[in-house]
Amino acid sequence: MSTYLPKDVHEGLEAARLAGLKKTSRLRVLAGDRFYPVLRKWRDRFSVEAETTPHLRGLVNLYEGDRHLCECLIVASGKDGGEMLYEFKRATAAADKPPLDFYRDPEAPIALLGRTK
């Protein structure tokens, strides 16, 4: 049995695989003022479609739908099939409030009520 596939069949299968990855992923990366769909994400890297996404570099933001996941410093690590792989040099988790620079007692009151006259 032969495992050889004609070039057009191989390209069609690759295009279908990339389309399936784009359809199932909710992740996207914000570079500048444009969003690009993320095909796959690992602990230390992610991939985007090589043909439709320009070469990314530097500081980007990673989103899952509308939720901001992290701010990342990235570098291109290679190309695999139709995917461009980027590694995280730094990935800082996004927070919805600024960090505290003091200890907050969990038993402390939330607010103080003033006197009413």
N, C-alpha and C. Protein backbone atom coordinates (compact mmCIF):
# COMPACT_ATOMS: atom_id res chain seq x y z
N MET A 1 0.83 -1.18 0.00
CA MET A 1 0.00 0.00 0.00
C MET A 1 0.88 1.24 0.00
N SER A 2 0.53 2.21 -0.82
CA SER A 2 1.32 3.43 -0.96
C SER A 2 0.74 4.54 -0.09
N THR A 3 1.61 5.35 0.51
CA THR A 3 1.16 6.48 1.33
C THR A 3 1.34 7.80 0.60
N TYR A 4 1.64 7.74 -0.69
CA TYR A 4 1.83 8.95 -1.49
C TYR A 4 0.49 9.59 -1.81
N LEU A 5 0.40 10.89 -1.59
CA LEU A 5 -0.81 11.65 -1.95
C LEU A 5 -0.42 12.69 -3.00
N PRO A 6 -1.25 12.87 -4.00
CA PRO A 6 -0.97 13.94 -4.96
C PRO A 6 -0.94 15.30 -4.24
N LYS A 7 -0.21 16.24 -4.83
CA LYS A 7 -0.01 17.54 -4.20
C LYS A 7 -1.33 18.27 -3.94
N ASP A 8 -2.27 18.24 -4.89
CA ASP A 8 -3.53 18.96 -4.71
C ASP A 8 -4.39 18.33 -3.61
N VAL A 9 -4.32 17.01 -3.46
CA VAL A 9 -5.06 16.34 -2.38
C VAL A 9 -4.46 16.71 -1.04
N HIS A 10 -3.11 16.72 -0.96
CA HIS A 10 -2.43 17.08 0.29
C HIS A 10 -2.76 18.53 0.67
N GLU A 11 -2.75 19.44 -0.29
CA GLU A 11 -3.08 20.84 -0.01
C GLU A 11 -4.53 20.99 0.43
N GLY A 12 -5.43 20.23 -0.17
CA GLY A 12 -6.83 20.27 0.23
C GLY A 12 -7.04 19.78 1.65
N LEU A 13 -6.34 18.69 2.01
CA LEU A 13 -6.42 18.16 3.37
C LEU A 13 -5.86 19.16 4.39
N GLU A 14 -4.77 19.81 4.03
CA GLU A 14 -4.16 20.81 4.92
C GLU A 14 -5.09 22.00 5.11
N ALA A 15 -5.72 22.46 4.02
CA ALA A 15 -6.66 23.58 4.11
C ALA A 15 -7.87 23.21 4.97
N ALA A 16 -8.35 21.99 4.85
CA ALA A 16 -9.49 21.55 5.67
C ALA A 16 -9.10 21.46 7.13
N ARG A 17 -7.88 21.00 7.42
CA ARG A 17 -7.40 20.92 8.81
C ARG A 17 -7.33 22.31 9.42
N LEU A 18 -6.76 23.28 8.69
CA LEU A 18 -6.66 24.65 9.20
C LEU A 18 -8.04 25.28 9.40
N ALA A 19 -8.96 25.02 8.48
CA ALA A 19 -10.32 25.56 8.62
C ALA A 19 -11.00 24.97 9.86
N GLY A 20 -10.79 23.70 10.13
CA GLY A 20 -11.35 23.08 11.32
C GLY A 20 -10.78 23.65 12.60
N LEU A 21 -9.47 23.93 12.61
CA LEU A 21 -8.84 24.53 13.79
C LEU A 21 -9.38 25.94 14.03
N LYS A 22 -9.56 26.71 12.96
CA LYS A 22 -10.08 28.07 13.11
C LYS A 22 -11.51 28.07 13.64
N LYS A 23 -12.29 27.11 13.20
CA LYS A 23 -13.70 27.05 13.59
C LYS A 23 -13.86 26.67 15.06
N THR A 24 -13.00 25.82 15.59
CA THR A 24 -13.16 25.33 16.96
C THR A 24 -12.48 26.22 18.00
N SER A 25 -11.56 27.06 17.61
CA SER A 25 -10.82 27.87 18.58
C SER A 25 -11.50 29.20 18.84
N ARG A 26 -11.62 29.57 20.11
CA ARG A 26 -12.16 30.88 20.50
C ARG A 26 -11.04 31.86 20.79
N LEU A 27 -9.81 31.40 20.75
CA LEU A 27 -8.67 32.25 21.07
C LEU A 27 -8.34 33.17 19.91
N ARG A 28 -7.87 34.38 20.26
CA ARG A 28 -7.41 35.32 19.25
C ARG A 28 -6.33 36.19 19.86
N VAL A 29 -5.48 36.71 19.00
CA VAL A 29 -4.37 37.54 19.45
C VAL A 29 -4.54 38.94 18.88
N LEU A 30 -4.31 39.94 19.72
CA LEU A 30 -4.41 41.34 19.31
C LEU A 30 -2.99 41.87 19.12
N ALA A 31 -2.68 42.22 17.88
CA ALA A 31 -1.37 42.80 17.56
C ALA A 31 -1.64 44.15 16.92
N GLY A 32 -1.22 45.22 17.56
CA GLY A 32 -1.54 46.56 17.08
C GLY A 32 -3.02 46.84 17.32
N ASP A 33 -3.77 47.03 16.24
CA ASP A 33 -5.21 47.25 16.37
C ASP A 33 -6.02 46.18 15.64
N ARG A 34 -5.39 45.05 15.28
CA ARG A 34 -6.08 43.98 14.57
C ARG A 34 -6.03 42.68 15.36
N PHE A 35 -7.12 41.91 15.24
CA PHE A 35 -7.21 40.59 15.86
C PHE A 35 -6.92 39.52 14.82
N TYR A 36 -6.22 38.46 15.24
CA TYR A 36 -5.93 37.31 14.38
C TYR A 36 -6.31 36.04 15.15
N PRO A 37 -6.98 35.09 14.49
CA PRO A 37 -7.39 33.87 15.19
C PRO A 37 -6.20 33.00 15.54
N VAL A 38 -6.23 32.45 16.75
CA VAL A 38 -5.20 31.52 17.21
C VAL A 38 -5.71 30.11 16.93
N LEU A 39 -4.90 29.31 16.26
CA LEU A 39 -5.32 27.97 15.91
C LEU A 39 -5.16 27.01 17.08
N ARG A 40 -3.99 27.03 17.71
CA ARG A 40 -3.73 26.15 18.86
C ARG A 40 -2.90 26.90 19.88
N LYS A 41 -3.02 26.49 21.15
CA LYS A 41 -2.24 27.10 22.23
C LYS A 41 -1.71 26.01 23.13
N TRP A 42 -0.44 26.12 23.46
CA TRP A 42 0.21 25.24 24.42
C TRP A 42 0.58 26.07 25.64
N ARG A 43 1.24 25.48 26.58
CA ARG A 43 1.63 26.19 27.80
C ARG A 43 2.61 27.32 27.50
N ASP A 44 3.54 27.11 26.58
CA ASP A 44 4.61 28.07 26.33
C ASP A 44 4.61 28.65 24.91
N ARG A 45 3.57 28.37 24.10
CA ARG A 45 3.53 28.88 22.73
C ARG A 45 2.11 28.80 22.17
N PHE A 46 1.94 29.40 20.98
CA PHE A 46 0.67 29.32 20.26
C PHE A 46 0.96 29.37 18.77
N SER A 47 -0.07 29.06 17.97
CA SER A 47 0.11 29.08 16.52
C SER A 47 -1.04 29.86 15.87
N VAL A 48 -0.71 30.51 14.75
CA VAL A 48 -1.68 31.21 13.93
C VAL A 48 -1.50 30.76 12.49
N GLU A 49 -2.46 31.08 11.63
CA GLU A 49 -2.36 30.71 10.23
C GLU A 49 -1.27 31.55 9.57
N ALA A 50 -0.34 30.89 8.90
CA ALA A 50 0.82 31.58 8.33
C ALA A 50 0.46 32.47 7.15
N GLU A 51 -0.50 32.06 6.33
CA GLU A 51 -0.81 32.80 5.10
C GLU A 51 -1.56 34.11 5.36
N THR A 52 -2.49 34.12 6.30
CA THR A 52 -3.34 35.30 6.50
C THR A 52 -2.85 36.23 7.60
N THR A 53 -1.91 35.79 8.40
CA THR A 53 -1.42 36.60 9.51
C THR A 53 -0.03 37.13 9.18
N PRO A 54 0.19 38.44 9.35
CA PRO A 54 1.54 38.96 9.12
C PRO A 54 2.49 38.44 10.19
N HIS A 55 3.77 38.63 9.97
CA HIS A 55 4.78 38.17 10.93
C HIS A 55 4.65 39.00 12.21
N LEU A 56 4.23 38.36 13.30
CA LEU A 56 4.05 39.05 14.58
C LEU A 56 5.36 39.07 15.34
N ARG A 57 5.51 40.10 16.17
CA ARG A 57 6.70 40.19 16.99
C ARG A 57 6.47 41.20 18.10
N GLY A 58 7.01 40.93 19.26
CA GLY A 58 6.93 41.88 20.35
C GLY A 58 5.75 41.65 21.28
N LEU A 59 5.14 42.74 21.71
CA LEU A 59 4.08 42.70 22.71
C LEU A 59 2.72 42.53 22.06
N VAL A 60 1.99 41.47 22.44
CA VAL A 60 0.64 41.20 21.94
C VAL A 60 -0.25 40.84 23.12
N ASN A 61 -1.56 40.87 22.90
CA ASN A 61 -2.52 40.49 23.93
C ASN A 61 -3.29 39.27 23.45
N LEU A 62 -3.49 38.31 24.34
CA LEU A 62 -4.19 37.08 24.01
C LEU A 62 -5.57 37.11 24.64
N TYR A 63 -6.61 36.82 23.84
CA TYR A 63 -8.00 36.87 24.28
C TYR A 63 -8.68 35.53 24.03
N GLU A 64 -9.63 35.19 24.90
CA GLU A 64 -10.54 34.07 24.67
C GLU A 64 -11.93 34.68 24.58
N GLY A 65 -12.43 34.82 23.37
CA GLY A 65 -13.67 35.57 23.17
C GLY A 65 -13.42 37.02 23.51
N ASP A 66 -14.16 37.57 24.47
CA ASP A 66 -13.96 38.95 24.91
C ASP A 66 -13.12 39.05 26.17
N ARG A 67 -12.76 37.92 26.75
CA ARG A 67 -12.01 37.92 28.01
C ARG A 67 -10.51 38.01 27.75
N HIS A 68 -9.87 39.02 28.33
CA HIS A 68 -8.43 39.22 28.19
C HIS A 68 -7.70 38.21 29.06
N LEU A 69 -6.92 37.32 28.44
CA LEU A 69 -6.20 36.29 29.19
C LEU A 69 -4.85 36.78 29.69
N CYS A 70 -4.03 37.28 28.77
CA CYS A 70 -2.68 37.68 29.17
C CYS A 70 -2.06 38.63 28.16
N GLU A 71 -1.05 39.32 28.64
CA GLU A 71 -0.22 40.17 27.80
C GLU A 71 1.08 39.42 27.58
N CYS A 72 1.48 39.25 26.33
CA CYS A 72 2.59 38.36 26.01
C CYS A 72 3.67 39.07 25.21
N LEU A 73 4.89 38.73 25.50
CA LEU A 73 6.03 39.12 24.69
C LEU A 73 6.40 37.87 23.90
N ILE A 74 6.33 37.94 22.57
CA ILE A 74 6.48 36.73 21.76
C ILE A 74 7.64 36.86 20.77
N VAL A 75 8.08 35.70 20.31
CA VAL A 75 9.09 35.60 19.27
C VAL A 75 8.72 34.42 18.38
N ALA A 76 8.91 34.56 17.07
CA ALA A 76 8.58 33.49 16.13
C ALA A 76 9.56 32.33 16.34
N SER A 77 9.02 31.10 16.36
CA SER A 77 9.89 29.95 16.58
C SER A 77 9.94 29.00 15.40
N GLY A 78 9.04 29.14 14.43
CA GLY A 78 9.11 28.27 13.26
C GLY A 78 7.77 28.15 12.57
N LYS A 79 7.80 27.42 11.48
CA LYS A 79 6.61 27.21 10.67
C LYS A 79 6.38 25.71 10.58
N ASP A 80 5.12 25.30 10.81
CA ASP A 80 4.77 23.88 10.76
C ASP A 80 3.51 23.74 9.92
N GLY A 81 3.65 23.20 8.72
CA GLY A 81 2.51 23.10 7.83
C GLY A 81 2.06 24.49 7.44
N GLY A 82 0.81 24.81 7.62
CA GLY A 82 0.30 26.14 7.34
C GLY A 82 0.23 27.01 8.57
N GLU A 83 0.88 26.58 9.66
CA GLU A 83 0.83 27.31 10.93
C GLU A 83 2.17 27.97 11.22
N MET A 84 2.11 29.19 11.76
CA MET A 84 3.30 29.88 12.24
C MET A 84 3.29 29.78 13.75
N LEU A 85 4.38 29.29 14.33
CA LEU A 85 4.47 29.08 15.78
C LEU A 85 5.20 30.25 16.43
N TYR A 86 4.67 30.68 17.57
CA TYR A 86 5.27 31.75 18.37
C TYR A 86 5.45 31.27 19.79
N GLU A 87 6.62 31.55 20.36
CA GLU A 87 6.90 31.18 21.75
C GLU A 87 6.76 32.41 22.64
N PHE A 88 6.32 32.17 23.87
CA PHE A 88 6.22 33.24 24.85
C PHE A 88 7.59 33.47 25.48
N LYS A 89 8.06 34.70 25.45
CA LYS A 89 9.23 35.07 26.25
C LYS A 89 8.74 35.49 27.63
N ARG A 90 7.53 36.07 27.64
CA ARG A 90 6.89 36.48 28.89
C ARG A 90 5.39 36.44 28.66
N ALA A 91 4.65 35.95 29.62
CA ALA A 91 3.19 35.94 29.55
C ALA A 91 2.66 36.35 30.92
N THR A 92 2.14 37.56 31.01
CA THR A 92 1.62 38.09 32.26
C THR A 92 0.10 37.99 32.25
N ALA A 93 -0.43 37.30 33.24
CA ALA A 93 -1.88 37.11 33.33
C ALA A 93 -2.57 38.46 33.53
N ALA A 94 -3.67 38.65 32.85
CA ALA A 94 -4.44 39.90 32.97
C ALA A 94 -5.29 39.85 34.23
N ALA A 95 -5.40 40.99 34.89
CA ALA A 95 -6.23 41.11 36.10
C ALA A 95 -7.28 42.18 35.87
N ASP A 96 -8.43 42.03 36.51
CA ASP A 96 -9.50 43.01 36.34
C ASP A 96 -9.41 44.17 37.31
N LYS A 97 -8.46 44.11 38.24
CA LYS A 97 -8.25 45.22 39.16
C LYS A 97 -6.76 45.37 39.42
N PRO A 98 -6.30 46.56 39.82
CA PRO A 98 -4.87 46.76 40.04
C PRO A 98 -4.39 45.96 41.25
N PRO A 99 -3.12 45.59 41.26
CA PRO A 99 -2.60 44.84 42.39
C PRO A 99 -2.51 45.72 43.64
N LEU A 100 -2.69 45.09 44.79
CA LEU A 100 -2.60 45.82 46.06
C LEU A 100 -1.15 45.90 46.50
N ASP A 101 -0.77 47.00 47.09
CA ASP A 101 0.58 47.12 47.61
C ASP A 101 0.58 47.05 49.15
N PHE A 102 -0.51 46.48 49.70
CA PHE A 102 -0.61 46.28 51.13
C PHE A 102 -1.44 45.04 51.39
N TYR A 103 -1.37 44.54 52.62
CA TYR A 103 -2.14 43.35 53.00
C TYR A 103 -3.54 43.76 53.39
N ARG A 104 -4.53 43.10 52.83
CA ARG A 104 -5.93 43.37 53.17
C ARG A 104 -6.43 42.22 54.03
N ASP A 105 -6.85 42.55 55.25
CA ASP A 105 -7.36 41.55 56.17
C ASP A 105 -8.69 41.01 55.64
N PRO A 106 -8.83 39.69 55.51
CA PRO A 106 -10.08 39.14 54.99
C PRO A 106 -11.28 39.41 55.90
N GLU A 107 -11.05 39.68 57.18
CA GLU A 107 -12.14 39.95 58.12
C GLU A 107 -12.47 41.44 58.23
N ALA A 108 -11.75 42.29 57.52
CA ALA A 108 -11.98 43.74 57.60
C ALA A 108 -13.31 44.10 56.94
N PRO A 109 -13.96 45.16 57.45
CA PRO A 109 -15.23 45.56 56.83
C PRO A 109 -15.00 46.06 55.40
N ILE A 110 -16.02 45.91 54.57
CA ILE A 110 -15.90 46.33 53.18
C ILE A 110 -16.00 47.84 53.08
N ALA A 111 -16.90 48.45 53.83
CA ALA A 111 -17.07 49.90 53.79
C ALA A 111 -17.51 50.37 55.17
N LEU A 112 -17.26 51.63 55.45
CA LEU A 112 -17.71 52.23 56.71
C LEU A 112 -18.89 53.14 56.43
N LEU A 113 -19.91 53.02 57.26
CA LEU A 113 -21.10 53.86 57.11
C LEU A 113 -20.95 55.10 57.98
N GLY A 114 -21.27 56.25 57.38
CA GLY A 114 -21.21 57.49 58.13
C GLY A 114 -22.45 57.69 58.97
N ARG A 115 -22.43 58.68 59.85
CA ARG A 115 -23.59 58.96 60.71
C ARG A 115 -24.65 59.70 59.92
N THR A 116 -25.88 59.41 60.21
CA THR A 116 -26.98 60.14 59.58
C THR A 116 -27.68 60.95 60.66
N LYS A 117 -28.07 62.16 60.37
CA LYS A 117 -28.73 63.03 61.36
C LYS A 117 -30.15 63.27 61.02
